[in-house]
Amino acid sequence: MDTAVIAALIAASVGVLTLIANVVLQERARRNERAAVITAFRSDIRSIVHVLHRMGIVDSFIDCLHSSLPTLGYTTWVDAPREENYFQLYASMASKIGLTPFPLAKDIVRFYTFLHASRDSARPLGVLKASSLKTGEHVQHIRNVLVALCEVLRAADNVLGAEFSPRNQKEGQDIATEMWKKIDAALKNPNDTKLAT
């Protein structure tokens, strides 16, 4: 075989191998970025779920729904400063949500959208808090907060499931499930003051 042909075959082989190596490296980088995005959102959502649970926010609104006193349970969510930003990670990584599988992307967006809606629904309760009688307006805003929180926690339940965990971990999913089921029961039975946990 002619040395020019051999040199051309070697050069072509090196070129193909370089192309394959670049494709493999790019795919690995995409996979690593996708895993990092999923891990970041799961960690943020897990932390927010733990805050909702440990601060008793869901329980306080359920108690408020069942109470004849309009201000019972408002303190942990209604009076909180509005300057907090639960959405920093979401805002900084929203453009990367498309890297995640569709069902996960949908639930991530749903989580943050309804979290925002729950805060917006709670805002009028701060003004209504001054009323000495529980009115239909109090009840409607409390229900709106609970409906939004239920959607937040259902989305968290899906995001924190093992399907999207790199190590098959479901930490926080049980808490999210317990809280959304508690809200669901409270909304179906608004007069039941002794709901099962």
Protein backbone atom coordinates (compact mmCIF):
# COMPACT_ATOMS: atom_id res chain seq x y z
CA MET A 1 0.00 0.00 0.00
CA ASP A 2 1.15 3.45 -0.84
CA THR A 3 2.42 5.52 2.12
CA ALA A 4 0.19 8.42 1.09
CA VAL A 5 -2.88 6.18 1.32
CA ILE A 6 -1.76 4.85 4.70
CA ALA A 7 -1.16 8.38 5.96
CA ALA A 8 -4.61 9.42 4.69
CA LEU A 9 -6.25 6.42 6.42
CA ILE A 10 -4.44 7.19 9.66
CA ALA A 11 -5.42 10.84 9.47
CA ALA A 12 -9.05 9.90 8.73
CA SER A 13 -9.05 7.39 11.60
CA VAL A 14 -7.64 9.98 14.00
CA GLY A 15 -10.26 12.47 12.79
CA VAL A 16 -13.11 9.99 13.32
CA LEU A 17 -11.77 8.98 16.74
CA THR A 18 -11.45 12.65 17.71
CA LEU A 19 -15.02 13.30 16.57
CA ILE A 20 -16.31 10.28 18.53
CA ALA A 21 -14.35 11.35 21.61
CA ASN A 22 -15.80 14.88 21.37
CA VAL A 23 -19.35 13.53 21.04
CA VAL A 24 -18.82 11.23 24.03
CA LEU A 25 -17.34 14.07 26.11
CA GLN A 26 -20.17 16.44 25.15
CA GLU A 27 -22.79 13.84 26.04
CA ARG A 28 -21.07 13.17 29.36
CA ALA A 29 -20.97 16.92 30.08
CA ARG A 30 -24.70 17.21 29.22
CA ARG A 31 -25.49 14.25 31.47
CA ASN A 32 -23.44 15.75 34.31
CA GLU A 33 -25.11 19.14 33.88
CA ARG A 34 -28.56 17.50 33.86
CA ALA A 35 -27.70 15.61 37.05
CA ALA A 36 -26.42 18.82 38.68
CA VAL A 37 -29.60 20.71 37.74
CA ILE A 38 -31.82 17.91 39.07
CA THR A 39 -29.81 17.71 42.30
CA ALA A 40 -29.96 21.49 42.81
CA PHE A 41 -33.73 21.68 42.34
CA ARG A 42 -34.37 18.58 44.45
CA SER A 43 -32.22 20.01 47.26
CA ASP A 44 -33.97 23.39 47.15
CA ILE A 45 -37.44 21.83 47.06
CA ARG A 46 -36.53 19.41 49.86
CA SER A 47 -35.36 22.33 52.01
CA ILE A 48 -38.58 24.27 51.43
CA VAL A 49 -40.65 21.18 52.28
CA HIS A 50 -38.71 20.84 55.53
CA VAL A 51 -39.34 24.52 56.33
CA LEU A 52 -43.09 24.10 55.73
CA HIS A 53 -43.08 21.04 57.97
CA ARG A 54 -40.83 22.16 60.82
CA MET A 55 -42.40 25.60 61.08
CA GLY A 56 -45.86 24.04 61.21
CA ILE A 57 -47.15 26.23 58.39
CA VAL A 58 -49.51 23.63 56.93
CA ASP A 59 -50.83 22.66 60.36
CA SER A 60 -51.34 26.30 61.31
CA PHE A 61 -53.51 26.97 58.27
CA ILE A 62 -55.49 23.76 58.80
CA ASP A 63 -56.05 24.81 62.44
CA CYS A 64 -57.03 28.26 61.22
CA LEU A 65 -59.54 26.79 58.77
CA HIS A 66 -61.17 24.85 61.61
CA SER A 67 -61.08 27.62 64.20
CA SER A 68 -63.79 30.12 64.89
CA LEU A 69 -61.04 32.64 65.67
CA PRO A 70 -59.79 34.33 62.51
CA THR A 71 -56.20 34.86 63.62
CA LEU A 72 -55.36 31.39 64.92
CA GLY A 73 -52.33 30.10 63.02
CA TYR A 74 -51.56 33.19 60.97
CA THR A 75 -48.29 34.12 62.61
CA THR A 76 -45.86 31.78 60.84
CA TRP A 77 -46.81 32.66 57.27
CA VAL A 78 -48.90 35.81 57.18
CA ASP A 79 -46.65 38.03 59.29
CA ALA A 80 -43.40 36.83 57.72
CA PRO A 81 -41.53 39.58 55.89
CA ARG A 82 -42.19 39.63 52.16
CA GLU A 83 -38.54 40.28 51.38
CA GLU A 84 -37.55 36.63 51.67
CA ASN A 85 -36.76 35.01 48.37
CA TYR A 86 -37.65 31.37 48.00
CA PHE A 87 -37.07 31.69 44.28
CA GLN A 88 -33.35 32.51 43.97
CA LEU A 89 -32.36 29.07 42.74
CA TYR A 90 -35.36 28.88 40.44
CA ALA A 91 -34.60 32.30 38.94
CA SER A 92 -30.93 31.52 38.43
CA MET A 93 -31.52 28.07 36.90
CA ALA A 94 -34.88 28.43 35.12
CA SER A 95 -33.17 28.35 31.74
CA LYS A 96 -31.77 24.90 32.55
CA ILE A 97 -35.09 23.26 33.46
CA GLY A 98 -35.28 22.03 29.87
CA LEU A 99 -32.34 19.73 30.60
CA THR A 100 -34.54 17.71 32.95
CA PRO A 101 -37.03 15.04 31.84
CA PHE A 102 -40.46 16.51 31.00
CA PRO A 103 -42.43 15.19 34.01
CA LEU A 104 -39.76 16.53 36.36
CA ALA A 105 -39.58 19.91 34.61
CA LYS A 106 -43.37 20.21 34.82
CA ASP A 107 -43.38 19.50 38.57
CA ILE A 108 -40.48 21.87 39.26
CA VAL A 109 -42.34 24.71 37.55
CA ARG A 110 -45.59 23.72 39.31
CA PHE A 111 -43.84 23.68 42.70
CA TYR A 112 -42.48 27.22 42.42
CA THR A 113 -45.61 28.62 40.74
CA PHE A 114 -47.90 27.38 43.49
CA LEU A 115 -45.41 28.36 46.19
CA HIS A 116 -45.65 31.90 44.86
CA ALA A 117 -49.46 31.60 44.72
CA SER A 118 -49.59 30.41 48.34
CA ARG A 119 -47.65 33.49 49.47
CA ASP A 120 -49.88 35.75 47.37
CA SER A 121 -52.99 34.10 48.84
CA ALA A 122 -51.70 34.61 52.38
CA ARG A 123 -50.94 38.30 51.89
CA PRO A 124 -54.57 39.58 52.38
CA LEU A 125 -54.84 37.64 55.64
CA GLY A 126 -52.42 40.08 57.25
CA VAL A 127 -54.96 42.87 56.70
CA LEU A 128 -57.95 40.70 57.62
CA LYS A 129 -56.17 39.63 60.80
CA ALA A 130 -57.38 42.78 62.53
CA SER A 131 -61.01 41.64 62.20
CA SER A 132 -62.42 40.12 65.33
CA LEU A 133 -64.85 37.84 63.49
CA LYS A 134 -63.99 35.14 61.01
CA THR A 135 -65.68 36.06 57.74
CA GLY A 136 -66.19 34.28 54.46
CA GLU A 137 -63.29 36.29 53.15
CA HIS A 138 -60.99 34.88 55.86
CA VAL A 139 -62.11 31.35 55.04
CA GLN A 140 -61.69 31.83 51.28
CA HIS A 141 -58.13 33.14 51.63
CA ILE A 142 -57.24 30.34 54.06
CA ARG A 143 -58.67 27.79 51.60
CA ASN A 144 -56.73 29.42 48.74
CA VAL A 145 -53.49 29.15 50.73
CA LEU A 146 -54.20 25.50 51.50
CA VAL A 147 -55.12 24.68 47.88
CA ALA A 148 -51.86 26.27 46.70
CA LEU A 149 -49.82 24.53 49.40
CA CYS A 150 -51.43 21.22 48.48
CA GLU A 151 -50.26 21.69 44.88
CA VAL A 152 -46.79 22.73 46.12
CA LEU A 153 -46.53 19.54 48.13
CA ARG A 154 -47.93 17.26 45.41
CA ALA A 155 -45.30 18.63 43.03
CA ALA A 156 -42.63 18.17 45.73
CA ASP A 157 -43.83 14.59 46.24
CA ASN A 158 -43.16 13.91 42.55
CA VAL A 159 -39.84 15.78 42.38
CA LEU A 160 -38.50 14.09 45.50
CA GLY A 161 -39.48 10.60 44.36
CA ALA A 162 -36.76 8.04 43.74
CA GLU A 163 -37.29 8.15 39.98
CA PHE A 164 -35.27 11.36 39.66
CA SER A 165 -32.74 10.64 42.40
CA PRO A 166 -29.24 9.70 41.32
CA ARG A 167 -28.93 7.40 44.32
CA ASN A 168 -32.58 6.30 44.52
CA GLN A 169 -33.14 8.50 47.57
CA LYS A 170 -36.55 9.83 48.52
CA GLU A 171 -35.62 12.06 51.46
CA GLY A 172 -38.40 14.55 52.10
CA GLN A 173 -40.92 12.79 49.87
CA ASP A 174 -42.66 11.19 52.86
CA ILE A 175 -43.06 14.58 54.54
CA ALA A 176 -44.47 16.14 51.36
CA THR A 177 -46.89 13.23 50.93
CA GLU A 178 -48.06 13.40 54.54
CA MET A 179 -48.67 17.15 54.36
CA TRP A 180 -50.56 17.21 51.05
CA LYS A 181 -52.78 14.35 52.24
CA LYS A 182 -53.47 16.26 55.45
CA ILE A 183 -54.43 19.36 53.45
CA ASP A 184 -56.57 17.31 51.09
CA ALA A 185 -58.46 15.82 54.05
CA ALA A 186 -58.91 19.26 55.63
CA LEU A 187 -60.30 20.74 52.43
CA LYS A 188 -62.71 17.84 51.98
CA ASN A 189 -63.81 17.99 55.63
CA PRO A 190 -63.59 21.67 56.63
CA ASN A 191 -65.62 21.17 59.81
CA ASP A 192 -63.62 18.19 61.09
CA THR A 193 -61.32 19.49 63.81
CA LYS A 194 -59.77 16.10 64.53
CA LEU A 195 -58.26 15.08 61.22
CA ALA A 196 -56.02 12.06 61.09
CA THR A 197 -52.33 12.79 60.56
